Amino acid sequence: MSRTAAATREDVVRAAARRFVAGERIDVQAVVGDTGVARATVHRWFGTREGLIGEAIVHASEPVLDRARRVAEGRGAAGLLAAFDGIVATMAADEGLRRFLEHEREAALRILTSSAGVVQPAWVARTEALIVAEAGAGRYSPALDPATLAYAVVRLTEAFLYHDAAAGLRGDTERLHAVLAAVLGVDRS
């Protein structure tokens, strides 16, 4: 990106997201160089490097979340499960996410899983929107309120994908599928 004095907050997020997707470390100084925005402005907009990284991850994940339900087969609980399977498969194969977890494990887990951050609340909101859309169309009757169910889906995904290595769950997409099927009430007969 060429240096532009009029770069916006969104330009900074996009520049950081490009670095994340490429598996590069998100360095504030490098993003400043990419966008021409002053370092102080970046800190005013995002607070910390972790705030910028969180925004970049949310931005990079939006196409994945948007696409998931569109391409998933089925409706109702089965369609939701297919959408979540698509999201999980994409996340499990994501090189940028893998490198971030490998190189900055503690910060990565904090950024990805903190309810006080931007990533988890954004993912919970998007998950809730998928659930509400299926329920609103009369194709799904969740056993829990959509907000609680969405939170559970996201937390389970976090645990199975990258958080709970001690329990032997990290990267276990098959067991995650089975657990999400049970939580969503997918008829397995």
N, C-alpha and C. Protein backbone atom coordinates (compact mmCIF):
# COMPACT_ATOMS: atom_id res chain seq x y z
N MET A 1 0.85 -1.17 0.00
CA MET A 1 0.00 0.00 0.00
C MET A 1 0.90 1.23 0.00
N SER A 2 0.57 2.22 -0.77
CA SER A 2 1.37 3.43 -0.81
C SER A 2 1.07 4.28 0.42
N ARG A 3 2.04 5.08 0.80
CA ARG A 3 1.86 5.96 1.95
C ARG A 3 0.81 7.02 1.61
N THR A 4 -0.16 7.13 2.48
CA THR A 4 -1.22 8.10 2.28
C THR A 4 -1.51 8.76 3.61
N ALA A 5 -1.44 10.07 3.66
CA ALA A 5 -1.72 10.79 4.90
C ALA A 5 -3.16 10.60 5.33
N ALA A 6 -4.04 10.31 4.40
CA ALA A 6 -5.46 10.20 4.70
C ALA A 6 -5.90 8.77 4.97
N ALA A 7 -4.96 7.89 5.29
CA ALA A 7 -5.32 6.51 5.59
C ALA A 7 -6.28 6.49 6.78
N THR A 8 -7.25 5.61 6.70
CA THR A 8 -8.28 5.51 7.73
C THR A 8 -7.98 4.37 8.70
N ARG A 9 -8.80 4.30 9.74
CA ARG A 9 -8.71 3.20 10.69
C ARG A 9 -8.87 1.87 9.95
N GLU A 10 -9.83 1.83 9.03
CA GLU A 10 -10.07 0.61 8.24
C GLU A 10 -8.86 0.26 7.39
N ASP A 11 -8.16 1.25 6.85
CA ASP A 11 -6.94 0.99 6.07
C ASP A 11 -5.89 0.31 6.95
N VAL A 12 -5.78 0.76 8.18
CA VAL A 12 -4.82 0.18 9.12
C VAL A 12 -5.21 -1.26 9.44
N VAL A 13 -6.49 -1.50 9.67
CA VAL A 13 -6.97 -2.86 9.95
C VAL A 13 -6.69 -3.77 8.75
N ARG A 14 -6.97 -3.29 7.55
CA ARG A 14 -6.72 -4.10 6.35
C ARG A 14 -5.24 -4.41 6.19
N ALA A 15 -4.38 -3.44 6.45
CA ALA A 15 -2.93 -3.66 6.34
C ALA A 15 -2.48 -4.71 7.35
N ALA A 16 -2.97 -4.62 8.57
CA ALA A 16 -2.62 -5.60 9.59
C ALA A 16 -3.18 -6.98 9.24
N ALA A 17 -4.40 -7.01 8.72
CA ALA A 17 -5.03 -8.29 8.33
C ALA A 17 -4.24 -8.96 7.21
N ARG A 18 -3.76 -8.17 6.27
CA ARG A 18 -2.94 -8.76 5.18
C ARG A 18 -1.70 -9.43 5.77
N ARG A 19 -1.08 -8.80 6.72
CA ARG A 19 0.11 -9.38 7.36
C ARG A 19 -0.27 -10.67 8.10
N PHE A 20 -1.40 -10.64 8.81
CA PHE A 20 -1.84 -11.82 9.55
C PHE A 20 -2.09 -12.98 8.60
N VAL A 21 -2.85 -12.75 7.55
CA VAL A 21 -3.18 -13.80 6.58
C VAL A 21 -1.92 -14.38 5.95
N ALA A 22 -0.92 -13.54 5.74
CA ALA A 22 0.35 -13.99 5.15
C ALA A 22 1.23 -14.72 6.16
N GLY A 23 0.78 -14.79 7.42
CA GLY A 23 1.56 -15.47 8.44
C GLY A 23 2.70 -14.63 8.98
N GLU A 24 2.65 -13.33 8.73
CA GLU A 24 3.69 -12.42 9.22
C GLU A 24 3.31 -11.90 10.60
N ARG A 25 4.30 -11.52 11.35
CA ARG A 25 4.07 -10.90 12.65
C ARG A 25 3.47 -9.52 12.39
N ILE A 26 2.45 -9.18 13.14
CA ILE A 26 1.86 -7.85 13.01
C ILE A 26 2.66 -6.91 13.90
N ASP A 27 3.47 -6.11 13.24
CA ASP A 27 4.32 -5.14 13.90
C ASP A 27 3.72 -3.76 13.66
N VAL A 28 3.47 -3.02 14.72
CA VAL A 28 2.83 -1.71 14.58
C VAL A 28 3.66 -0.80 13.68
N GLN A 29 4.97 -0.82 13.84
CA GLN A 29 5.82 0.05 13.03
C GLN A 29 5.71 -0.31 11.54
N ALA A 30 5.64 -1.59 11.23
CA ALA A 30 5.49 -2.01 9.83
C ALA A 30 4.14 -1.57 9.27
N VAL A 31 3.08 -1.68 10.07
CA VAL A 31 1.75 -1.25 9.63
C VAL A 31 1.73 0.26 9.44
N VAL A 32 2.42 0.97 10.32
CA VAL A 32 2.56 2.42 10.17
C VAL A 32 3.25 2.73 8.84
N GLY A 33 4.30 1.97 8.54
CA GLY A 33 5.00 2.15 7.26
C GLY A 33 4.12 1.83 6.07
N ASP A 34 3.26 0.82 6.21
CA ASP A 34 2.35 0.44 5.12
C ASP A 34 1.30 1.52 4.84
N THR A 35 0.86 2.19 5.89
CA THR A 35 -0.30 3.08 5.76
C THR A 35 0.02 4.56 5.84
N GLY A 36 1.16 4.91 6.44
CA GLY A 36 1.50 6.31 6.61
C GLY A 36 0.82 6.96 7.80
N VAL A 37 0.07 6.20 8.56
CA VAL A 37 -0.59 6.72 9.76
C VAL A 37 0.44 6.80 10.88
N ALA A 38 0.38 7.83 11.68
CA ALA A 38 1.32 7.98 12.79
C ALA A 38 1.12 6.87 13.82
N ARG A 39 2.22 6.44 14.41
CA ARG A 39 2.17 5.39 15.44
C ARG A 39 1.22 5.79 16.58
N ALA A 40 1.25 7.05 16.96
CA ALA A 40 0.37 7.53 18.04
C ALA A 40 -1.10 7.39 17.63
N THR A 41 -1.40 7.58 16.38
CA THR A 41 -2.77 7.44 15.89
C THR A 41 -3.20 5.98 15.97
N VAL A 42 -2.31 5.08 15.58
CA VAL A 42 -2.62 3.65 15.67
C VAL A 42 -2.92 3.28 17.13
N HIS A 43 -2.11 3.78 18.04
CA HIS A 43 -2.35 3.48 19.47
C HIS A 43 -3.62 4.14 19.98
N ARG A 44 -3.95 5.30 19.48
CA ARG A 44 -5.20 5.96 19.89
C ARG A 44 -6.40 5.15 19.38
N TRP A 45 -6.31 4.64 18.16
CA TRP A 45 -7.42 3.88 17.58
C TRP A 45 -7.58 2.50 18.20
N PHE A 46 -6.47 1.83 18.52
CA PHE A 46 -6.54 0.42 18.93
C PHE A 46 -6.06 0.16 20.35
N GLY A 47 -5.50 1.15 21.00
CA GLY A 47 -5.03 0.99 22.36
C GLY A 47 -3.68 0.32 22.45
N THR A 48 -3.60 -0.89 21.99
CA THR A 48 -2.37 -1.67 22.07
C THR A 48 -2.17 -2.45 20.78
N ARG A 49 -1.02 -3.06 20.68
CA ARG A 49 -0.75 -3.95 19.54
C ARG A 49 -1.77 -5.09 19.54
N GLU A 50 -2.10 -5.61 20.72
CA GLU A 50 -3.07 -6.69 20.81
C GLU A 50 -4.44 -6.25 20.30
N GLY A 51 -4.82 -5.00 20.55
CA GLY A 51 -6.08 -4.49 20.03
C GLY A 51 -6.08 -4.46 18.51
N LEU A 52 -4.96 -4.04 17.93
CA LEU A 52 -4.82 -4.02 16.47
C LEU A 52 -4.87 -5.44 15.90
N ILE A 53 -4.17 -6.36 16.54
CA ILE A 53 -4.18 -7.75 16.08
C ILE A 53 -5.59 -8.32 16.13
N GLY A 54 -6.30 -8.06 17.22
CA GLY A 54 -7.67 -8.55 17.35
C GLY A 54 -8.55 -8.03 16.23
N GLU A 55 -8.46 -6.75 15.93
CA GLU A 55 -9.24 -6.16 14.83
C GLU A 55 -8.85 -6.79 13.50
N ALA A 56 -7.55 -7.04 13.32
CA ALA A 56 -7.08 -7.66 12.07
C ALA A 56 -7.64 -9.08 11.92
N ILE A 57 -7.66 -9.83 13.00
CA ILE A 57 -8.18 -11.20 12.96
C ILE A 57 -9.68 -11.19 12.65
N VAL A 58 -10.42 -10.30 13.29
CA VAL A 58 -11.85 -10.20 13.00
C VAL A 58 -12.06 -9.86 11.53
N HIS A 59 -11.31 -8.90 11.03
CA HIS A 59 -11.43 -8.50 9.61
C HIS A 59 -11.10 -9.69 8.69
N ALA A 60 -10.02 -10.40 8.99
CA ALA A 60 -9.61 -11.53 8.15
C ALA A 60 -10.61 -12.68 8.21
N SER A 61 -11.31 -12.81 9.33
CA SER A 61 -12.25 -13.93 9.48
C SER A 61 -13.62 -13.64 8.89
N GLU A 62 -13.95 -12.40 8.63
CA GLU A 62 -15.29 -12.07 8.12
C GLU A 62 -15.65 -12.82 6.85
N PRO A 63 -14.77 -12.90 5.84
CA PRO A 63 -15.15 -13.66 4.64
C PRO A 63 -15.40 -15.15 4.93
N VAL A 64 -14.66 -15.71 5.86
CA VAL A 64 -14.85 -17.12 6.22
C VAL A 64 -16.22 -17.31 6.84
N LEU A 65 -16.57 -16.43 7.75
CA LEU A 65 -17.86 -16.55 8.42
C LEU A 65 -19.01 -16.25 7.46
N ASP A 66 -18.82 -15.27 6.59
CA ASP A 66 -19.87 -14.95 5.61
C ASP A 66 -20.12 -16.12 4.67
N ARG A 67 -19.07 -16.75 4.24
CA ARG A 67 -19.16 -17.83 3.26
C ARG A 67 -19.70 -19.12 3.88
N ALA A 68 -19.43 -19.34 5.14
CA ALA A 68 -19.74 -20.62 5.79
C ALA A 68 -21.20 -21.05 5.61
N ARG A 69 -22.12 -20.17 5.93
CA ARG A 69 -23.52 -20.58 5.84
C ARG A 69 -24.01 -20.63 4.40
N ARG A 70 -23.45 -19.75 3.56
CA ARG A 70 -23.86 -19.74 2.15
C ARG A 70 -23.56 -21.07 1.46
N VAL A 71 -22.42 -21.68 1.77
CA VAL A 71 -22.02 -22.89 1.06
C VAL A 71 -22.37 -24.18 1.80
N ALA A 72 -22.78 -24.05 3.05
CA ALA A 72 -23.10 -25.25 3.83
C ALA A 72 -24.38 -25.90 3.30
N GLU A 73 -24.35 -27.20 3.22
CA GLU A 73 -25.53 -27.94 2.79
C GLU A 73 -26.45 -28.16 3.98
N GLY A 74 -27.73 -28.22 3.71
CA GLY A 74 -28.71 -28.50 4.75
C GLY A 74 -29.28 -27.26 5.38
N ARG A 75 -30.29 -27.47 6.18
CA ARG A 75 -30.97 -26.40 6.89
C ARG A 75 -31.12 -26.81 8.34
N GLY A 76 -31.51 -25.88 9.16
CA GLY A 76 -31.73 -26.17 10.57
C GLY A 76 -30.43 -26.54 11.26
N ALA A 77 -30.54 -27.45 12.23
CA ALA A 77 -29.37 -27.86 13.02
C ALA A 77 -28.29 -28.46 12.13
N ALA A 78 -28.68 -29.27 11.15
CA ALA A 78 -27.70 -29.89 10.25
C ALA A 78 -26.98 -28.83 9.41
N GLY A 79 -27.69 -27.82 8.97
CA GLY A 79 -27.07 -26.74 8.21
C GLY A 79 -26.13 -25.92 9.05
N LEU A 80 -26.53 -25.65 10.29
CA LEU A 80 -25.63 -24.93 11.21
C LEU A 80 -24.37 -25.74 11.46
N LEU A 81 -24.53 -27.03 11.71
CA LEU A 81 -23.37 -27.88 11.93
C LEU A 81 -22.45 -27.88 10.71
N ALA A 82 -23.02 -27.95 9.53
CA ALA A 82 -22.21 -27.91 8.31
C ALA A 82 -21.47 -26.58 8.19
N ALA A 83 -22.14 -25.48 8.54
CA ALA A 83 -21.49 -24.17 8.50
C ALA A 83 -20.35 -24.11 9.51
N PHE A 84 -20.59 -24.59 10.72
CA PHE A 84 -19.54 -24.57 11.74
C PHE A 84 -18.39 -25.49 11.36
N ASP A 85 -18.71 -26.63 10.74
CA ASP A 85 -17.64 -27.52 10.26
C ASP A 85 -16.77 -26.80 9.23
N GLY A 86 -17.39 -26.03 8.34
CA GLY A 86 -16.64 -25.28 7.34
C GLY A 86 -15.73 -24.24 7.97
N ILE A 87 -16.26 -23.55 8.96
CA ILE A 87 -15.46 -22.55 9.68
C ILE A 87 -14.28 -23.22 10.38
N VAL A 88 -14.56 -24.30 11.07
CA VAL A 88 -13.51 -25.02 11.81
C VAL A 88 -12.44 -25.54 10.86
N ALA A 89 -12.85 -26.12 9.74
CA ALA A 89 -11.87 -26.64 8.78
C ALA A 89 -10.98 -25.52 8.25
N THR A 90 -11.58 -24.37 7.97
CA THR A 90 -10.81 -23.24 7.47
C THR A 90 -9.84 -22.74 8.53
N MET A 91 -10.32 -22.63 9.77
CA MET A 91 -9.45 -22.18 10.86
C MET A 91 -8.31 -23.17 11.11
N ALA A 92 -8.62 -24.46 11.10
CA ALA A 92 -7.61 -25.48 11.36
C ALA A 92 -6.52 -25.46 10.31
N ALA A 93 -6.86 -25.07 9.09
CA ALA A 93 -5.88 -25.06 8.00
C ALA A 93 -5.24 -23.68 7.79
N ASP A 94 -5.66 -22.69 8.55
CA ASP A 94 -5.20 -21.32 8.34
C ASP A 94 -3.74 -21.15 8.78
N GLU A 95 -2.90 -20.87 7.82
CA GLU A 95 -1.46 -20.71 8.07
C GLU A 95 -1.16 -19.52 8.98
N GLY A 96 -1.84 -18.41 8.76
CA GLY A 96 -1.61 -17.23 9.59
C GLY A 96 -1.96 -17.50 11.04
N LEU A 97 -3.08 -18.15 11.28
CA LEU A 97 -3.49 -18.48 12.64
C LEU A 97 -2.51 -19.47 13.27
N ARG A 98 -2.10 -20.47 12.50
CA ARG A 98 -1.15 -21.46 13.02
C ARG A 98 0.16 -20.79 13.43
N ARG A 99 0.68 -19.94 12.57
CA ARG A 99 1.94 -19.25 12.88
C ARG A 99 1.80 -18.33 14.09
N PHE A 100 0.68 -17.64 14.16
CA PHE A 100 0.43 -16.75 15.30
C PHE A 100 0.43 -17.55 16.59
N LEU A 101 -0.25 -18.69 16.61
CA LEU A 101 -0.29 -19.53 17.80
C LEU A 101 1.09 -20.11 18.13
N GLU A 102 1.86 -20.46 17.13
CA GLU A 102 3.20 -21.01 17.35
C GLU A 102 4.18 -19.97 17.89
N HIS A 103 4.14 -18.77 17.32
CA HIS A 103 5.15 -17.77 17.63
C HIS A 103 4.79 -16.86 18.79
N GLU A 104 3.51 -16.70 19.06
CA GLU A 104 3.08 -15.78 20.12
C GLU A 104 1.97 -16.43 20.95
N ARG A 105 2.21 -17.63 21.41
CA ARG A 105 1.18 -18.47 22.03
C ARG A 105 0.36 -17.75 23.11
N GLU A 106 1.03 -17.19 24.11
CA GLU A 106 0.29 -16.56 25.21
C GLU A 106 -0.54 -15.38 24.73
N ALA A 107 0.07 -14.51 23.95
CA ALA A 107 -0.67 -13.36 23.43
C ALA A 107 -1.79 -13.83 22.50
N ALA A 108 -1.52 -14.83 21.68
CA ALA A 108 -2.53 -15.33 20.76
C ALA A 108 -3.76 -15.85 21.51
N LEU A 109 -3.54 -16.65 22.52
CA LEU A 109 -4.67 -17.19 23.28
C LEU A 109 -5.44 -16.08 23.97
N ARG A 110 -4.74 -15.10 24.49
CA ARG A 110 -5.39 -13.96 25.14
C ARG A 110 -6.24 -13.19 24.12
N ILE A 111 -5.68 -12.91 22.96
CA ILE A 111 -6.38 -12.14 21.93
C ILE A 111 -7.58 -12.92 21.38
N LEU A 112 -7.40 -14.21 21.16
CA LEU A 112 -8.45 -15.03 20.55
C LEU A 112 -9.58 -15.39 21.51
N THR A 113 -9.27 -15.58 22.78
CA THR A 113 -10.26 -16.17 23.69
C THR A 113 -10.80 -15.23 24.76
N SER A 114 -10.30 -14.03 24.85
CA SER A 114 -10.76 -13.13 25.91
C SER A 114 -12.11 -12.52 25.58
N SER A 115 -13.03 -12.62 26.50
CA SER A 115 -14.33 -11.98 26.30
C SER A 115 -14.22 -10.46 26.40
N ALA A 116 -13.09 -9.97 26.92
CA ALA A 116 -12.85 -8.53 27.00
C ALA A 116 -12.17 -8.00 25.73
N GLY A 117 -11.78 -8.89 24.83
CA GLY A 117 -11.14 -8.48 23.59
C GLY A 117 -12.16 -8.22 22.50
N VAL A 118 -11.70 -8.25 21.26
CA VAL A 118 -12.61 -8.02 20.14
C VAL A 118 -12.93 -9.28 19.36
N VAL A 119 -12.06 -10.29 19.40
CA VAL A 119 -12.24 -11.47 18.56
C VAL A 119 -13.39 -12.33 19.06
N GLN A 120 -13.31 -12.80 20.29
CA GLN A 120 -14.35 -13.69 20.78
C GLN A 120 -15.75 -13.05 20.73
N PRO A 121 -15.93 -11.82 21.20
CA PRO A 121 -17.27 -11.23 21.09
C PRO A 121 -17.76 -11.12 19.64
N ALA A 122 -16.87 -10.81 18.72
CA ALA A 122 -17.27 -10.73 17.30
C ALA A 122 -17.69 -12.11 16.79
N TRP A 123 -16.92 -13.14 17.13
CA TRP A 123 -17.26 -14.49 16.67
C TRP A 123 -18.54 -14.99 17.32
N VAL A 124 -18.75 -14.65 18.59
CA VAL A 124 -20.00 -15.05 19.25
C VAL A 124 -21.18 -14.35 18.57
N ALA A 125 -21.04 -13.08 18.28
CA ALA A 125 -22.12 -12.33 17.63
C ALA A 125 -22.44 -12.91 16.25
N ARG A 126 -21.41 -13.25 15.48
CA ARG A 126 -21.64 -13.82 14.15
C ARG A 126 -22.29 -15.20 14.25
N THR A 127 -21.85 -16.00 15.23
CA THR A 127 -22.43 -17.32 15.44
C THR A 127 -23.89 -17.19 15.86
N GLU A 128 -24.15 -16.26 16.76
CA GLU A 128 -25.53 -16.02 17.19
C GLU A 128 -26.41 -15.61 16.01
N ALA A 129 -25.88 -14.78 15.12
CA ALA A 129 -26.64 -14.35 13.94
C ALA A 129 -27.01 -15.54 13.07
N LEU A 130 -26.09 -16.50 12.91
CA LEU A 130 -26.40 -17.71 12.13
C LEU A 130 -27.52 -18.50 12.79
N ILE A 131 -27.44 -18.65 14.10
CA ILE A 131 -28.46 -19.41 14.84
C ILE A 131 -29.82 -18.70 14.76
N VAL A 132 -29.81 -17.39 14.97
CA VAL A 132 -31.05 -16.62 14.92
C VAL A 132 -31.68 -16.67 13.52
N ALA A 133 -30.86 -16.63 12.49
CA ALA A 133 -31.38 -16.70 11.12
C ALA A 133 -32.09 -18.03 10.88
N GLU A 134 -31.50 -19.12 11.32
CA GLU A 134 -32.14 -20.44 11.15
C GLU A 134 -33.42 -20.53 11.98
N ALA A 135 -33.35 -20.03 13.21
CA ALA A 135 -34.54 -20.06 14.07
C ALA A 135 -35.63 -19.15 13.50
N GLY A 136 -35.25 -17.98 13.03
CA GLY A 136 -36.21 -17.02 12.47
C GLY A 136 -36.89 -17.54 11.21
N ALA A 137 -36.19 -18.39 10.48
CA ALA A 137 -36.76 -18.97 9.27
C ALA A 137 -37.61 -20.21 9.58
N GLY A 138 -37.70 -20.54 10.86
CA GLY A 138 -38.51 -21.68 11.26
C GLY A 138 -37.86 -23.03 11.01
N ARG A 139 -36.54 -23.02 10.77
CA ARG A 139 -35.84 -24.28 10.46
C ARG A 139 -35.10 -24.86 11.65
N TYR A 140 -35.06 -24.12 12.77
CA TYR A 140 -34.29 -24.57 13.92
C TYR A 140 -34.91 -24.03 15.19
N SER A 141 -35.03 -24.90 16.17
CA SER A 141 -35.54 -24.51 17.48
C SER A 141 -34.46 -24.83 18.51
N PRO A 142 -33.61 -23.85 18.83
CA PRO A 142 -32.51 -24.12 19.74
C PRO A 142 -33.00 -24.46 21.15
N ALA A 143 -32.28 -25.37 21.80
CA ALA A 143 -32.63 -25.78 23.17
C ALA A 143 -32.25 -24.71 24.19
N LEU A 144 -31.36 -23.81 23.80
CA LEU A 144 -30.91 -22.71 24.66
C LEU A 144 -31.19 -21.40 23.94
N ASP A 145 -31.10 -20.30 24.69
CA ASP A 145 -31.23 -19.02 24.00
C ASP A 145 -30.04 -18.88 23.05
N PRO A 146 -30.24 -18.23 21.89
CA PRO A 146 -29.19 -18.16 20.87
C PRO A 146 -27.86 -17.57 21.36
N ALA A 147 -27.90 -16.59 22.25
CA ALA A 147 -26.66 -15.99 22.74
C ALA A 147 -25.83 -17.00 23.52
N THR A 148 -26.48 -17.76 24.39
CA THR A 148 -25.77 -18.77 25.19
C THR A 148 -25.26 -19.89 24.29
N LEU A 149 -26.08 -20.32 23.36
CA LEU A 149 -25.67 -21.38 22.44
C LEU A 149 -24.47 -20.93 21.59
N ALA A 150 -24.52 -19.69 21.11
CA ALA A 150 -23.41 -19.16 20.30
C ALA A 150 -22.13 -19.11 21.12
N TYR A 151 -22.23 -18.66 22.35
CA TYR A 151 -21.06 -18.59 23.23
C TYR A 151 -20.48 -20.00 23.43
N ALA A 152 -21.34 -20.98 23.66
CA ALA A 152 -20.88 -22.35 23.85
C ALA A 152 -20.18 -22.89 22.61
N VAL A 153 -20.75 -22.62 21.44
CA VAL A 153 -20.14 -23.09 20.18
C VAL A 153 -18.75 -22.49 20.02
N VAL A 154 -18.62 -21.19 20.26
CA VAL A 154 -17.33 -20.54 20.10
C VAL A 154 -16.32 -21.06 21.12
N ARG A 155 -16.72 -21.19 22.38
CA ARG A 155 -15.79 -21.66 23.42
C ARG A 155 -15.36 -23.11 23.15
N LEU A 156 -16.28 -23.94 22.73
CA LEU A 156 -15.92 -25.32 22.39
C LEU A 156 -14.94 -25.34 21.22
N THR A 157 -15.20 -24.52 20.23
CA THR A 157 -14.29 -24.43 19.08
C THR A 157 -12.90 -24.00 19.53
N GLU A 158 -12.83 -23.00 20.40
CA GLU A 158 -11.53 -22.56 20.92
C GLU A 158 -10.81 -23.71 21.61
N ALA A 159 -11.51 -24.41 22.46
CA ALA A 159 -10.89 -25.50 23.22
C ALA A 159 -10.37 -26.60 22.31
N PHE A 160 -11.19 -27.00 21.35
CA PHE A 160 -10.79 -28.11 20.49
C PHE A 160 -9.75 -27.72 19.45
N LEU A 161 -9.76 -26.48 19.01
CA LEU A 161 -8.81 -26.09 17.96
C LEU A 161 -7.44 -25.70 18.48
N TYR A 162 -7.39 -24.90 19.54
CA TYR A 162 -6.06 -24.40 19.90
C TYR A 162 -5.84 -24.16 21.36
N HIS A 163 -6.76 -24.46 22.20
CA HIS A 163 -6.56 -24.07 23.58
C HIS A 163 -6.24 -25.22 24.52
N ASP A 164 -6.80 -26.37 24.31
CA ASP A 164 -6.73 -27.40 25.33
C ASP A 164 -5.84 -28.58 24.94
N ALA A 165 -4.58 -28.30 24.70
CA ALA A 165 -3.64 -29.36 24.35
C ALA A 165 -3.45 -30.34 25.51
N ALA A 166 -3.55 -29.84 26.72
CA ALA A 166 -3.35 -30.69 27.89
C ALA A 166 -4.38 -31.83 27.94
N ALA A 167 -5.58 -31.58 27.46
CA ALA A 167 -6.61 -32.61 27.45
C ALA A 167 -6.60 -33.42 26.16
N GLY A 168 -5.63 -33.15 25.30
CA GLY A 168 -5.52 -33.89 24.04
C GLY A 168 -6.56 -33.49 23.02
N LEU A 169 -7.07 -32.26 23.10
CA LEU A 169 -8.13 -31.83 22.21
C LEU A 169 -7.66 -30.96 21.06
N ARG A 170 -6.51 -30.31 21.19
CA ARG A 170 -6.10 -29.32 20.19
C ARG A 170 -6.08 -29.93 18.80
N GLY A 171 -6.80 -29.28 17.89
CA GLY A 171 -6.83 -29.71 16.50
C GLY A 171 -7.73 -30.90 16.23
N ASP A 172 -8.50 -31.34 17.22
CA ASP A 172 -9.34 -32.52 17.06
C ASP A 172 -10.70 -32.14 16.48
N THR A 173 -10.73 -31.95 15.18
CA THR A 173 -11.96 -31.47 14.52
C THR A 173 -13.05 -32.55 14.47
N GLU A 174 -12.66 -33.80 14.47
CA GLU A 174 -13.68 -34.87 14.45
C GLU A 174 -14.47 -34.91 15.76
N ARG A 175 -13.76 -34.84 16.88
CA ARG A 175 -14.47 -34.83 18.16
C ARG A 175 -15.26 -33.54 18.34
N LEU A 176 -14.71 -32.43 17.84
CA LEU A 176 -15.45 -31.16 17.92
C LEU A 176 -16.76 -31.28 17.13
N HIS A 177 -16.72 -31.88 15.96
CA HIS A 177 -17.93 -32.09 15.16
C HIS A 177 -18.98 -32.86 15.98
N ALA A 178 -18.55 -33.93 16.63
CA ALA A 178 -19.49 -34.74 17.41
C ALA A 178 -20.07 -33.94 18.58
N VAL A 179 -19.25 -33.16 19.25
CA VAL A 179 -19.72 -32.35 20.37
C VAL A 179 -20.69 -31.27 19.89
N LEU A 180 -20.34 -30.59 18.80
CA LEU A 180 -21.23 -29.55 18.27
C LEU A 180 -22.55 -30.16 17.79
N ALA A 181 -22.50 -31.34 17.21
CA ALA A 181 -23.73 -32.00 16.79
C ALA A 181 -24.64 -32.23 18.00
N ALA A 182 -24.06 -32.67 19.09
CA ALA A 182 -24.85 -32.90 20.32
C ALA A 182 -25.40 -31.59 20.87
N VAL A 183 -24.58 -30.56 20.91
CA VAL A 183 -25.00 -29.27 21.45
C VAL A 183 -26.10 -28.65 20.59
N LEU A 184 -25.99 -28.80 19.28
CA LEU A 184 -26.99 -28.22 18.37
C LEU A 184 -28.26 -29.08 18.27
N GLY A 185 -28.17 -30.33 18.72
CA GLY A 185 -29.33 -31.22 18.66
C GLY A 185 -29.50 -31.87 17.30
N VAL A 186 -28.40 -32.11 16.60
CA VAL A 186 -28.47 -32.77 15.31
C VAL A 186 -28.84 -34.23 15.52
N ASP A 187 -29.86 -34.68 14.83
CA ASP A 187 -30.29 -36.07 14.93
C ASP A 187 -29.27 -36.93 14.22
N ARG A 188 -28.63 -37.83 14.94
CA ARG A 188 -27.54 -38.64 14.40
C ARG A 188 -28.02 -40.02 13.95
N SER A 189 -29.34 -40.19 13.86
CA SER A 189 -29.84 -41.51 13.43
C SER A 189 -29.88 -41.65 11.93
